[in-house]
Amino acid sequence: GFLAIISFVVAFLARSLPDSFNEAKFITFSMLVFLSVWLSFIPAYLSTQGKYMVAVEIFAILSSGAGLLFLIFIPKCYIILLRPEMNTKEHLVGRNATQK
């Protein structure tokens, strides 16, 4: 809960940064996935019994972690691996940047 609140505050404060440096949308989407996984975890955990409770806990931990990793780092990997022309200092700063 505290991590989600801090992340939303950081995303709100970062809204005025240029688009090249703006990570607010990635942070916001990843925190929404995190929140939705843990909100769905509560009724699933309370409705299970026995050894399946551990499986529900593990699934919630793994799915929230995977959601955070994918939504924050997949866009960066896309730029690095598939669009290397966008991974330059000139493109980030905005000088001589042309869209194709």
PDB file of N, CA and C in Angstrom:
ATOM      1  N   GLY A   1       0.806  -1.186   0.000  1.00  0.00           N
ATOM      2  CA  GLY A   1       0.000   0.000   0.000  1.00  0.00           C
ATOM      3  C   GLY A   1       0.854   1.256   0.000  1.00  0.00           C
ATOM      4  N   PHE A   2       1.869   1.282   0.861  1.00  0.00           N
ATOM      5  CA  PHE A   2       2.724   2.468   0.951  1.00  0.00           C
ATOM      6  C   PHE A   2       3.515   2.676  -0.332  1.00  0.00           C
ATOM      7  N   LEU A   3       3.996   1.583  -0.927  1.00  0.00           N
ATOM      8  CA  LEU A   3       4.726   1.671  -2.195  1.00  0.00           C
ATOM      9  C   LEU A   3       3.843   2.217  -3.310  1.00  0.00           C
ATOM     10  N   ALA A   4       2.593   1.784  -3.357  1.00  0.00           N
ATOM     11  CA  ALA A   4       1.671   2.266  -4.373  1.00  0.00           C
ATOM     12  C   ALA A   4       1.398   3.756  -4.208  1.00  0.00           C
ATOM     13  N   ILE A   5       1.236   4.212  -2.983  1.00  0.00           N
ATOM     14  CA  ILE A   5       0.977   5.638  -2.735  1.00  0.00           C
ATOM     15  C   ILE A   5       2.182   6.475  -3.137  1.00  0.00           C
ATOM     16  N   ILE A   6       3.372   6.046  -2.758  1.00  0.00           N
ATOM     17  CA  ILE A   6       4.589   6.776  -3.132  1.00  0.00           C
ATOM     18  C   ILE A   6       4.762   6.801  -4.645  1.00  0.00           C
ATOM     19  N   SER A   7       4.472   5.683  -5.304  1.00  0.00           N
ATOM     20  CA  SER A   7       4.621   5.626  -6.757  1.00  0.00           C
ATOM     21  C   SER A   7       3.631   6.546  -7.461  1.00  0.00           C
ATOM     22  N   PHE A   8       2.403   6.608  -6.979  1.00  0.00           N
ATOM     23  CA  PHE A   8       1.432   7.515  -7.574  1.00  0.00           C
ATOM     24  C   PHE A   8       1.836   8.976  -7.360  1.00  0.00           C
ATOM     25  N   VAL A   9       2.396   9.296  -6.208  1.00  0.00           N
ATOM     26  CA  VAL A   9       2.854  10.665  -5.950  1.00  0.00           C
ATOM     27  C   VAL A   9       4.000  11.022  -6.897  1.00  0.00           C
ATOM     28  N   VAL A  10       4.935  10.102  -7.072  1.00  0.00           N
ATOM     29  CA  VAL A  10       6.052  10.346  -7.991  1.00  0.00           C
ATOM     30  C   VAL A  10       5.545  10.498  -9.414  1.00  0.00           C
ATOM     31  N   ALA A  11       4.601   9.670  -9.825  1.00  0.00           N
ATOM     32  CA  ALA A  11       4.032   9.778 -11.167  1.00  0.00           C
ATOM     33  C   ALA A  11       3.323  11.116 -11.353  1.00  0.00           C
ATOM     34  N   PHE A  12       2.633  11.579 -10.321  1.00  0.00           N
ATOM     35  CA  PHE A  12       1.960  12.871 -10.408  1.00  0.00           C
ATOM     36  C   PHE A  12       2.962  14.014 -10.530  1.00  0.00           C
ATOM     37  N   LEU A  13       4.039  13.954  -9.764  1.00  0.00           N
ATOM     38  CA  LEU A  13       5.042  15.013  -9.820  1.00  0.00           C
ATOM     39  C   LEU A  13       5.830  14.989 -11.123  1.00  0.00           C
ATOM     40  N   ALA A  14       5.929  13.830 -11.749  1.00  0.00           N
ATOM     41  CA  ALA A  14       6.709  13.702 -12.983  1.00  0.00           C
ATOM     42  C   ALA A  14       5.896  14.028 -14.224  1.00  0.00           C
ATOM     43  N   ARG A  15       4.678  14.467 -14.079  1.00  0.00           N
ATOM     44  CA  ARG A  15       3.831  14.705 -15.234  1.00  0.00           C
ATOM     45  C   ARG A  15       4.296  15.869 -16.090  1.00  0.00           C
ATOM     46  N   SER A  16       5.083  16.780 -15.544  1.00  0.00           N
ATOM     47  CA  SER A  16       5.510  17.954 -16.297  1.00  0.00           C
ATOM     48  C   SER A  16       6.849  17.758 -16.998  1.00  0.00           C
ATOM     49  N   LEU A  17       7.437  16.581 -16.883  1.00  0.00           N
ATOM     50  CA  LEU A  17       8.693  16.311 -17.571  1.00  0.00           C
ATOM     51  C   LEU A  17       8.449  16.156 -19.066  1.00  0.00           C
ATOM     52  N   PRO A  18       9.483  16.371 -19.886  1.00  0.00           N
ATOM     53  CA  PRO A  18       9.316  16.111 -21.328  1.00  0.00           C
ATOM     54  C   PRO A  18       8.982  14.639 -21.577  1.00  0.00           C
ATOM     55  N   ASP A  19       8.358  14.366 -22.713  1.00  0.00           N
ATOM     56  CA  ASP A  19       7.931  13.006 -23.013  1.00  0.00           C
ATOM     57  C   ASP A  19       9.081  12.020 -23.067  1.00  0.00           C
ATOM     58  N   SER A  20      10.271  12.485 -23.402  1.00  0.00           N
ATOM     59  CA  SER A  20      11.419  11.580 -23.492  1.00  0.00           C
ATOM     60  C   SER A  20      11.785  11.003 -22.132  1.00  0.00           C
ATOM     61  N   PHE A  21      11.557  11.757 -21.071  1.00  0.00           N
ATOM     62  CA  PHE A  21      11.932  11.325 -19.728  1.00  0.00           C
ATOM     63  C   PHE A  21      10.737  10.924 -18.875  1.00  0.00           C
ATOM     64  N   ASN A  22       9.544  11.023 -19.418  1.00  0.00           N
ATOM     65  CA  ASN A  22       8.339  10.820 -18.625  1.00  0.00           C
ATOM     66  C   ASN A  22       8.054   9.336 -18.439  1.00  0.00           C
ATOM     67  N   GLU A  23       8.162   8.864 -17.223  1.00  0.00           N
ATOM     68  CA  GLU A  23       7.899   7.471 -16.868  1.00  0.00           C
ATOM     69  C   GLU A  23       6.568   7.347 -16.121  1.00  0.00           C
ATOM     70  N   ALA A  24       5.832   8.435 -16.012  1.00  0.00           N
ATOM     71  CA  ALA A  24       4.630   8.438 -15.177  1.00  0.00           C
ATOM     72  C   ALA A  24       3.598   7.436 -15.657  1.00  0.00           C
ATOM     73  N   LYS A  25       3.399   7.318 -16.965  1.00  0.00           N
ATOM     74  CA  LYS A  25       2.368   6.388 -17.433  1.00  0.00           C
ATOM     75  C   LYS A  25       2.764   4.935 -17.161  1.00  0.00           C
ATOM     76  N   PHE A  26       4.056   4.606 -17.260  1.00  0.00           N
ATOM     77  CA  PHE A  26       4.496   3.248 -16.969  1.00  0.00           C
ATOM     78  C   PHE A  26       4.351   2.935 -15.485  1.00  0.00           C
ATOM     79  N   ILE A  27       4.688   3.895 -14.649  1.00  0.00           N
ATOM     80  CA  ILE A  27       4.540   3.703 -13.205  1.00  0.00           C
ATOM     81  C   ILE A  27       3.068   3.559 -12.835  1.00  0.00           C
ATOM     82  N   THR A  28       2.225   4.391 -13.424  1.00  0.00           N
ATOM     83  CA  THR A  28       0.799   4.352 -13.115  1.00  0.00           C
ATOM     84  C   THR A  28       0.182   3.026 -13.528  1.00  0.00           C
ATOM     85  N   PHE A  29       0.461   2.564 -14.750  1.00  0.00           N
ATOM     86  CA  PHE A  29      -0.102   1.292 -15.196  1.00  0.00           C
ATOM     87  C   PHE A  29       0.415   0.126 -14.371  1.00  0.00           C
ATOM     88  N   SER A  30       1.690   0.155 -14.026  1.00  0.00           N
ATOM     89  CA  SER A  30       2.220  -0.947 -13.227  1.00  0.00           C
ATOM     90  C   SER A  30       1.623  -0.951 -11.824  1.00  0.00           C
ATOM     91  N   MET A  31       1.397   0.214 -11.245  1.00  0.00           N
ATOM     92  CA  MET A  31       0.765   0.264  -9.928  1.00  0.00           C
ATOM     93  C   MET A  31      -0.703  -0.148  -9.989  1.00  0.00           C
ATOM     94  N   LEU A  32      -1.376   0.119 -11.107  1.00  0.00           N
ATOM     95  CA  LEU A  32      -2.762  -0.338 -11.251  1.00  0.00           C
ATOM     96  C   LEU A  32      -2.820  -1.860 -11.347  1.00  0.00           C
ATOM     97  N   VAL A  33      -1.861  -2.466 -12.046  1.00  0.00           N
ATOM     98  CA  VAL A  33      -1.801  -3.927 -12.095  1.00  0.00           C
ATOM     99  C   VAL A  33      -1.503  -4.478 -10.708  1.00  0.00           C
ATOM    100  N   PHE A  34      -0.545  -3.869 -10.014  1.00  0.00           N
ATOM    101  CA  PHE A  34      -0.196  -4.287  -8.663  1.00  0.00           C
ATOM    102  C   PHE A  34      -1.415  -4.239  -7.747  1.00  0.00           C
ATOM    103  N   LEU A  35      -2.136  -3.139  -7.802  1.00  0.00           N
ATOM    104  CA  LEU A  35      -3.307  -2.955  -6.957  1.00  0.00           C
ATOM    105  C   LEU A  35      -4.415  -3.942  -7.313  1.00  0.00           C
ATOM    106  N   SER A  36      -4.669  -4.147  -8.598  1.00  0.00           N
ATOM    107  CA  SER A  36      -5.745  -5.065  -8.996  1.00  0.00           C
ATOM    108  C   SER A  36      -5.425  -6.504  -8.622  1.00  0.00           C
ATOM    109  N   VAL A  37      -4.155  -6.898  -8.728  1.00  0.00           N
ATOM    110  CA  VAL A  37      -3.778  -8.260  -8.325  1.00  0.00           C
ATOM    111  C   VAL A  37      -4.016  -8.445  -6.837  1.00  0.00           C
ATOM    112  N   TRP A  38      -3.606  -7.488  -6.036  1.00  0.00           N
ATOM    113  CA  TRP A  38      -3.755  -7.669  -4.594  1.00  0.00           C
ATOM    114  C   TRP A  38      -5.187  -7.491  -4.124  1.00  0.00           C
ATOM    115  N   LEU A  39      -5.989  -6.700  -4.836  1.00  0.00           N
ATOM    116  CA  LEU A  39      -7.409  -6.618  -4.482  1.00  0.00           C
ATOM    117  C   LEU A  39      -8.146  -7.903  -4.845  1.00  0.00           C
ATOM    118  N   SER A  40      -7.737  -8.545  -5.933  1.00  0.00           N
ATOM    119  CA  SER A  40      -8.352  -9.828  -6.266  1.00  0.00           C
ATOM    120  C   SER A  40      -7.797 -10.964  -5.401  1.00  0.00           C
ATOM    121  N   PHE A  41      -6.631 -10.749  -4.810  1.00  0.00           N
ATOM    122  CA  PHE A  41      -6.040 -11.754  -3.938  1.00  0.00           C
ATOM    123  C   PHE A  41      -6.851 -11.948  -2.664  1.00  0.00           C
ATOM    124  N   ILE A  42      -7.390 -10.879  -2.115  1.00  0.00           N
ATOM    125  CA  ILE A  42      -8.075 -10.948  -0.822  1.00  0.00           C
ATOM    126  C   ILE A  42      -9.260 -11.915  -0.859  1.00  0.00           C
ATOM    127  N   PRO A  43     -10.226 -11.779  -1.808  1.00  0.00           N
ATOM    128  CA  PRO A  43     -11.320 -12.757  -1.790  1.00  0.00           C
ATOM    129  C   PRO A  43     -10.872 -14.170  -2.182  1.00  0.00           C
ATOM    130  N   ALA A  44      -9.876 -14.263  -3.068  1.00  0.00           N
ATOM    131  CA  ALA A  44      -9.391 -15.596  -3.447  1.00  0.00           C
ATOM    132  C   ALA A  44      -8.727 -16.280  -2.261  1.00  0.00           C
ATOM    133  N   TYR A  45      -7.972 -15.532  -1.481  1.00  0.00           N
ATOM    134  CA  TYR A  45      -7.288 -16.099  -0.326  1.00  0.00           C
ATOM    135  C   TYR A  45      -8.275 -16.503   0.762  1.00  0.00           C
ATOM    136  N   LEU A  46      -9.284 -15.676   0.970  1.00  0.00           N
ATOM    137  CA  LEU A  46     -10.260 -15.968   2.018  1.00  0.00           C
ATOM    138  C   LEU A  46     -11.176 -17.132   1.651  1.00  0.00           C
ATOM    139  N   SER A  47     -11.317 -17.417   0.363  1.00  0.00           N
ATOM    140  CA  SER A  47     -12.213 -18.502  -0.046  1.00  0.00           C
ATOM    141  C   SER A  47     -11.494 -19.840  -0.209  1.00  0.00           C
ATOM    142  N   THR A  48     -10.162 -19.860  -0.093  1.00  0.00           N
ATOM    143  CA  THR A  48      -9.437 -21.121  -0.213  1.00  0.00           C
ATOM    144  C   THR A  48      -9.109 -21.677   1.166  1.00  0.00           C
ATOM    145  N   GLN A  49      -8.836 -22.967   1.172  1.00  0.00           N
ATOM    146  CA  GLN A  49      -8.511 -23.629   2.434  1.00  0.00           C
ATOM    147  C   GLN A  49      -7.350 -24.578   2.216  1.00  0.00           C
ATOM    148  N   GLY A  50      -6.634 -24.818   3.274  1.00  0.00           N
ATOM    149  CA  GLY A  50      -5.587 -25.831   3.267  1.00  0.00           C
ATOM    150  C   GLY A  50      -4.353 -25.451   2.470  1.00  0.00           C
ATOM    151  N   LYS A  51      -3.824 -26.432   1.752  1.00  0.00           N
ATOM    152  CA  LYS A  51      -2.569 -26.227   1.044  1.00  0.00           C
ATOM    153  C   LYS A  51      -2.708 -25.295  -0.153  1.00  0.00           C
ATOM    154  N   TYR A  52      -3.926 -25.035  -0.614  1.00  0.00           N
ATOM    155  CA  TYR A  52      -4.127 -24.149  -1.750  1.00  0.00           C
ATOM    156  C   TYR A  52      -3.928 -22.678  -1.386  1.00  0.00           C
ATOM    157  N   MET A  53      -3.977 -22.368  -0.101  1.00  0.00           N
ATOM    158  CA  MET A  53      -3.746 -20.984   0.332  1.00  0.00           C
ATOM    159  C   MET A  53      -2.336 -20.527  -0.030  1.00  0.00           C
ATOM    160  N   VAL A  54      -1.369 -21.418   0.103  1.00  0.00           N
ATOM    161  CA  VAL A  54       0.008 -21.083  -0.245  1.00  0.00           C
ATOM    162  C   VAL A  54       0.128 -20.851  -1.744  1.00  0.00           C
ATOM    163  N   ALA A  55      -0.575 -21.650  -2.543  1.00  0.00           N
ATOM    164  CA  ALA A  55      -0.544 -21.482  -3.998  1.00  0.00           C
ATOM    165  C   ALA A  55      -1.140 -20.134  -4.404  1.00  0.00           C
ATOM    166  N   VAL A  56      -2.199 -19.714  -3.738  1.00  0.00           N
ATOM    167  CA  VAL A  56      -2.811 -18.415  -4.033  1.00  0.00           C
ATOM    168  C   VAL A  56      -1.848 -17.293  -3.672  1.00  0.00           C
ATOM    169  N   GLU A  57      -1.173 -17.408  -2.551  1.00  0.00           N
ATOM    170  CA  GLU A  57      -0.186 -16.393  -2.162  1.00  0.00           C
ATOM    171  C   GLU A  57       0.948 -16.302  -3.184  1.00  0.00           C
ATOM    172  N   ILE A  58       1.465 -17.454  -3.577  1.00  0.00           N
ATOM    173  CA  ILE A  58       2.573 -17.469  -4.533  1.00  0.00           C
ATOM    174  C   ILE A  58       2.136 -16.894  -5.869  1.00  0.00           C
ATOM    175  N   PHE A  59       0.940 -17.250  -6.325  1.00  0.00           N
ATOM    176  CA  PHE A  59       0.443 -16.708  -7.587  1.00  0.00           C
ATOM    177  C   PHE A  59       0.295 -15.191  -7.525  1.00  0.00           C
ATOM    178  N   ALA A  60      -0.207 -14.671  -6.425  1.00  0.00           N
ATOM    179  CA  ALA A  60      -0.369 -13.222  -6.290  1.00  0.00           C
ATOM    180  C   ALA A  60       0.979 -12.523  -6.285  1.00  0.00           C
ATOM    181  N   ILE A  61       1.947 -13.079  -5.590  1.00  0.00           N
ATOM    182  CA  ILE A  61       3.277 -12.468  -5.541  1.00  0.00           C
ATOM    183  C   ILE A  61       3.935 -12.487  -6.917  1.00  0.00           C
ATOM    184  N   LEU A  62       3.879 -13.637  -7.579  1.00  0.00           N
ATOM    185  CA  LEU A  62       4.511 -13.749  -8.898  1.00  0.00           C
ATOM    186  C   LEU A  62       3.820 -12.901  -9.952  1.00  0.00           C
ATOM    187  N   SER A  63       2.500 -12.867  -9.952  1.00  0.00           N
ATOM    188  CA  SER A  63       1.801 -12.086 -10.976  1.00  0.00           C
ATOM    189  C   SER A  63       1.957 -10.587 -10.755  1.00  0.00           C
ATOM    190  N   SER A  64       1.985 -10.127  -9.519  1.00  0.00           N
ATOM    191  CA  SER A  64       2.193  -8.690  -9.303  1.00  0.00           C
ATOM    192  C   SER A  64       3.626  -8.300  -9.649  1.00  0.00           C
ATOM    193  N   GLY A  65       4.583  -9.142  -9.315  1.00  0.00           N
ATOM    194  CA  GLY A  65       5.967  -8.860  -9.687  1.00  0.00           C
ATOM    195  C   GLY A  65       6.177  -8.868 -11.189  1.00  0.00           C
ATOM    196  N   ALA A  66       5.557  -9.832 -11.871  1.00  0.00           N
ATOM    197  CA  ALA A  66       5.683  -9.889 -13.335  1.00  0.00           C
ATOM    198  C   ALA A  66       5.013  -8.686 -13.988  1.00  0.00           C
ATOM    199  N   GLY A  67       3.868  -8.277 -13.464  1.00  0.00           N
ATOM    200  CA  GLY A  67       3.197  -7.095 -14.008  1.00  0.00           C
ATOM    201  C   GLY A  67       4.041  -5.841 -13.861  1.00  0.00           C
ATOM    202  N   LEU A  68       4.668  -5.678 -12.694  1.00  0.00           N
ATOM    203  CA  LEU A  68       5.543  -4.520 -12.484  1.00  0.00           C
ATOM    204  C   LEU A  68       6.725  -4.555 -13.445  1.00  0.00           C
ATOM    205  N   LEU A  69       7.361  -5.696 -13.563  1.00  0.00           N
ATOM    206  CA  LEU A  69       8.527  -5.805 -14.450  1.00  0.00           C
ATOM    207  C   LEU A  69       8.159  -5.565 -15.900  1.00  0.00           C
ATOM    208  N   PHE A  70       7.094  -6.210 -16.366  1.00  0.00           N
ATOM    209  CA  PHE A  70       6.737  -6.081 -17.772  1.00  0.00           C
ATOM    210  C   PHE A  70       6.311  -4.665 -18.129  1.00  0.00           C
ATOM    211  N   LEU A  71       5.492  -4.048 -17.312  1.00  0.00           N
ATOM    212  CA  LEU A  71       4.970  -2.737 -17.676  1.00  0.00           C
ATOM    213  C   LEU A  71       5.989  -1.617 -17.515  1.00  0.00           C
ATOM    214  N   ILE A  72       7.017  -1.819 -16.725  1.00  0.00           N
ATOM    215  CA  ILE A  72       8.042  -0.782 -16.593  1.00  0.00           C
ATOM    216  C   ILE A  72       9.193  -1.017 -17.566  1.00  0.00           C
ATOM    217  N   PHE A  73       9.612  -2.274 -17.738  1.00  0.00           N
ATOM    218  CA  PHE A  73      10.835  -2.529 -18.491  1.00  0.00           C
ATOM    219  C   PHE A  73      10.638  -2.970 -19.935  1.00  0.00           C
ATOM    220  N   ILE A  74       9.489  -3.494 -20.311  1.00  0.00           N
ATOM    221  CA  ILE A  74       9.274  -3.901 -21.706  1.00  0.00           C
ATOM    222  C   ILE A  74       9.340  -2.703 -22.660  1.00  0.00           C
ATOM    223  N   PRO A  75       8.769  -1.537 -22.342  1.00  0.00           N
ATOM    224  CA  PRO A  75       8.940  -0.401 -23.258  1.00  0.00           C
ATOM    225  C   PRO A  75      10.412   0.003 -23.440  1.00  0.00           C
ATOM    226  N   LYS A  76      11.203  -0.103 -22.397  1.00  0.00           N
ATOM    227  CA  LYS A  76      12.628   0.219 -22.503  1.00  0.00           C
ATOM    228  C   LYS A  76      13.356  -0.802 -23.373  1.00  0.00           C
ATOM    229  N   CYS A  77      13.027  -2.081 -23.186  1.00  0.00           N
ATOM    230  CA  CYS A  77      13.645  -3.127 -24.004  1.00  0.00           C
ATOM    231  C   CYS A  77      13.237  -2.977 -25.465  1.00  0.00           C
ATOM    232  N   TYR A  78      12.005  -2.552 -25.718  1.00  0.00           N
ATOM    233  CA  TYR A  78      11.546  -2.312 -27.080  1.00  0.00           C
ATOM    234  C   TYR A  78      12.398  -1.238 -27.755  1.00  0.00           C
ATOM    235  N   ILE A  79      12.648  -0.142 -27.041  1.00  0.00           N
ATOM    236  CA  ILE A  79      13.463   0.942 -27.601  1.00  0.00           C
ATOM    237  C   ILE A  79      14.892   0.471 -27.822  1.00  0.00           C
ATOM    238  N   ILE A  80      15.448  -0.223 -26.861  1.00  0.00           N
ATOM    239  CA  ILE A  80      16.855  -0.650 -26.960  1.00  0.00           C
ATOM    240  C   ILE A  80      17.046  -1.673 -28.071  1.00  0.00           C
ATOM    241  N   LEU A  81      16.165  -2.653 -28.165  1.00  0.00           N
ATOM    242  CA  LEU A  81      16.368  -3.749 -29.103  1.00  0.00           C
ATOM    243  C   LEU A  81      15.793  -3.493 -30.491  1.00  0.00           C
ATOM    244  N   LEU A  82      14.610  -2.908 -30.567  1.00  0.00           N
ATOM    245  CA  LEU A  82      13.938  -2.788 -31.853  1.00  0.00           C
ATOM    246  C   LEU A  82      13.984  -1.399 -32.472  1.00  0.00           C
ATOM    247  N   ARG A  83      14.228  -0.377 -31.683  1.00  0.00           N
ATOM    248  CA  ARG A  83      14.288   0.994 -32.198  1.00  0.00           C
ATOM    249  C   ARG A  83      15.563   1.682 -31.718  1.00  0.00           C
ATOM    250  N   PRO A  84      16.750   1.180 -32.084  1.00  0.00           N
ATOM    251  CA  PRO A  84      17.992   1.763 -31.562  1.00  0.00           C
ATOM    252  C   PRO A  84      18.222   3.206 -31.997  1.00  0.00           C
ATOM    253  N   GLU A  85      17.583   3.647 -33.084  1.00  0.00           N
ATOM    254  CA  GLU A  85      17.742   5.050 -33.493  1.00  0.00           C
ATOM    255  C   GLU A  85      17.116   6.007 -32.493  1.00  0.00           C
ATOM    256  N   MET A  86      16.184   5.524 -31.692  1.00  0.00           N
ATOM    257  CA  MET A  86      15.577   6.372 -30.659  1.00  0.00           C
ATOM    258  C   MET A  86      16.380   6.366 -29.372  1.00  0.00           C
ATOM    259  N   ASN A  87      17.394   5.522 -29.288  1.00  0.00           N
ATOM    260  CA  ASN A  87      18.204   5.395 -28.079  1.00  0.00           C
ATOM    261  C   ASN A  87      19.488   6.215 -28.206  1.00  0.00           C
ATOM    262  N   THR A  88      19.337   7.473 -28.549  1.00  0.00           N
ATOM    263  CA  THR A  88      20.485   8.378 -28.655  1.00  0.00           C
ATOM    264  C   THR A  88      20.243   9.602 -27.787  1.00  0.00           C
ATOM    265  N   LYS A  89      21.312  10.256 -27.437  1.00  0.00           N
ATOM    266  CA  LYS A  89      21.201  11.447 -26.600  1.00  0.00           C
ATOM    267  C   LYS A  89      20.453  12.554 -27.332  1.00  0.00           C
ATOM    268  N   GLU A  90      20.699  12.688 -28.635  1.00  0.00           N
ATOM    269  CA  GLU A  90      20.026  13.729 -29.404  1.00  0.00           C
ATOM    270  C   GLU A  90      18.518  13.513 -29.440  1.00  0.00           C
ATOM    271  N   HIS A  91      18.112  12.279 -29.548  1.00  0.00           N
ATOM    272  CA  HIS A  91      16.684  12.006 -29.584  1.00  0.00           C
ATOM    273  C   HIS A  91      16.043  12.256 -28.217  1.00  0.00           C
ATOM    274  N   LEU A  92      16.740  11.915 -27.147  1.00  0.00           N
ATOM    275  CA  LEU A  92      16.191  12.132 -25.810  1.00  0.00           C
ATOM    276  C   LEU A  92      16.063  13.607 -25.479  1.00  0.00           C
ATOM    277  N   VAL A  93      17.078  14.380 -25.859  1.00  0.00           N
ATOM    278  CA  VAL A  93      17.062  15.807 -25.552  1.00  0.00           C
ATOM    279  C   VAL A  93      16.109  16.550 -26.477  1.00  0.00           C
ATOM    280  N   GLY A  94      15.915  16.015 -27.682  1.00  0.00           N
ATOM    281  CA  GLY A  94      14.977  16.634 -28.602  1.00  0.00           C
ATOM    282  C   GLY A  94      15.629  17.407 -29.722  1.00  0.00           C
ATOM    283  N   ARG A  95      16.953  17.421 -29.775  1.00  0.00           N
ATOM    284  CA  ARG A  95      17.643  18.111 -30.857  1.00  0.00           C
ATOM    285  C   ARG A  95      17.747  17.191 -32.055  1.00  0.00           C
ATOM    286  N   ASN A  96      17.391  17.714 -33.219  1.00  0.00           N
ATOM    287  CA  ASN A  96      17.495  16.987 -34.493  1.00  0.00           C
ATOM    288  C   ASN A  96      16.768  15.650 -34.440  1.00  0.00           C
ATOM    289  N   ALA A  97      15.694  15.595 -33.734  1.00  0.00           N
ATOM    290  CA  ALA A  97      14.934  14.345 -33.654  1.00  0.00           C
ATOM    291  C   ALA A  97      13.847  14.361 -34.714  1.00  0.00           C
ATOM    292  N   THR A  98      13.884  13.409 -35.597  1.00  0.00           N
ATOM    293  CA  THR A  98      12.862  13.303 -36.626  1.00  0.00           C
ATOM    294  C   THR A  98      12.130  12.003 -36.445  1.00  0.00           C
ATOM    295  N   GLN A  99      10.828  12.063 -36.559  1.00  0.00           N
ATOM    296  CA  GLN A  99       9.999  10.863 -36.444  1.00  0.00           C
ATOM    297  C   GLN A  99       9.890  10.214 -37.800  1.00  0.00           C
ATOM    298  N   LYS A 100      10.016   8.900 -37.841  1.00  0.00           N
ATOM    299  CA  LYS A 100       9.858   8.158 -39.108  1.00  0.00           C
ATOM    300  C   LYS A 100       8.516   7.495 -39.140  1.00  0.00           C
TER     301      LYS A 100
END
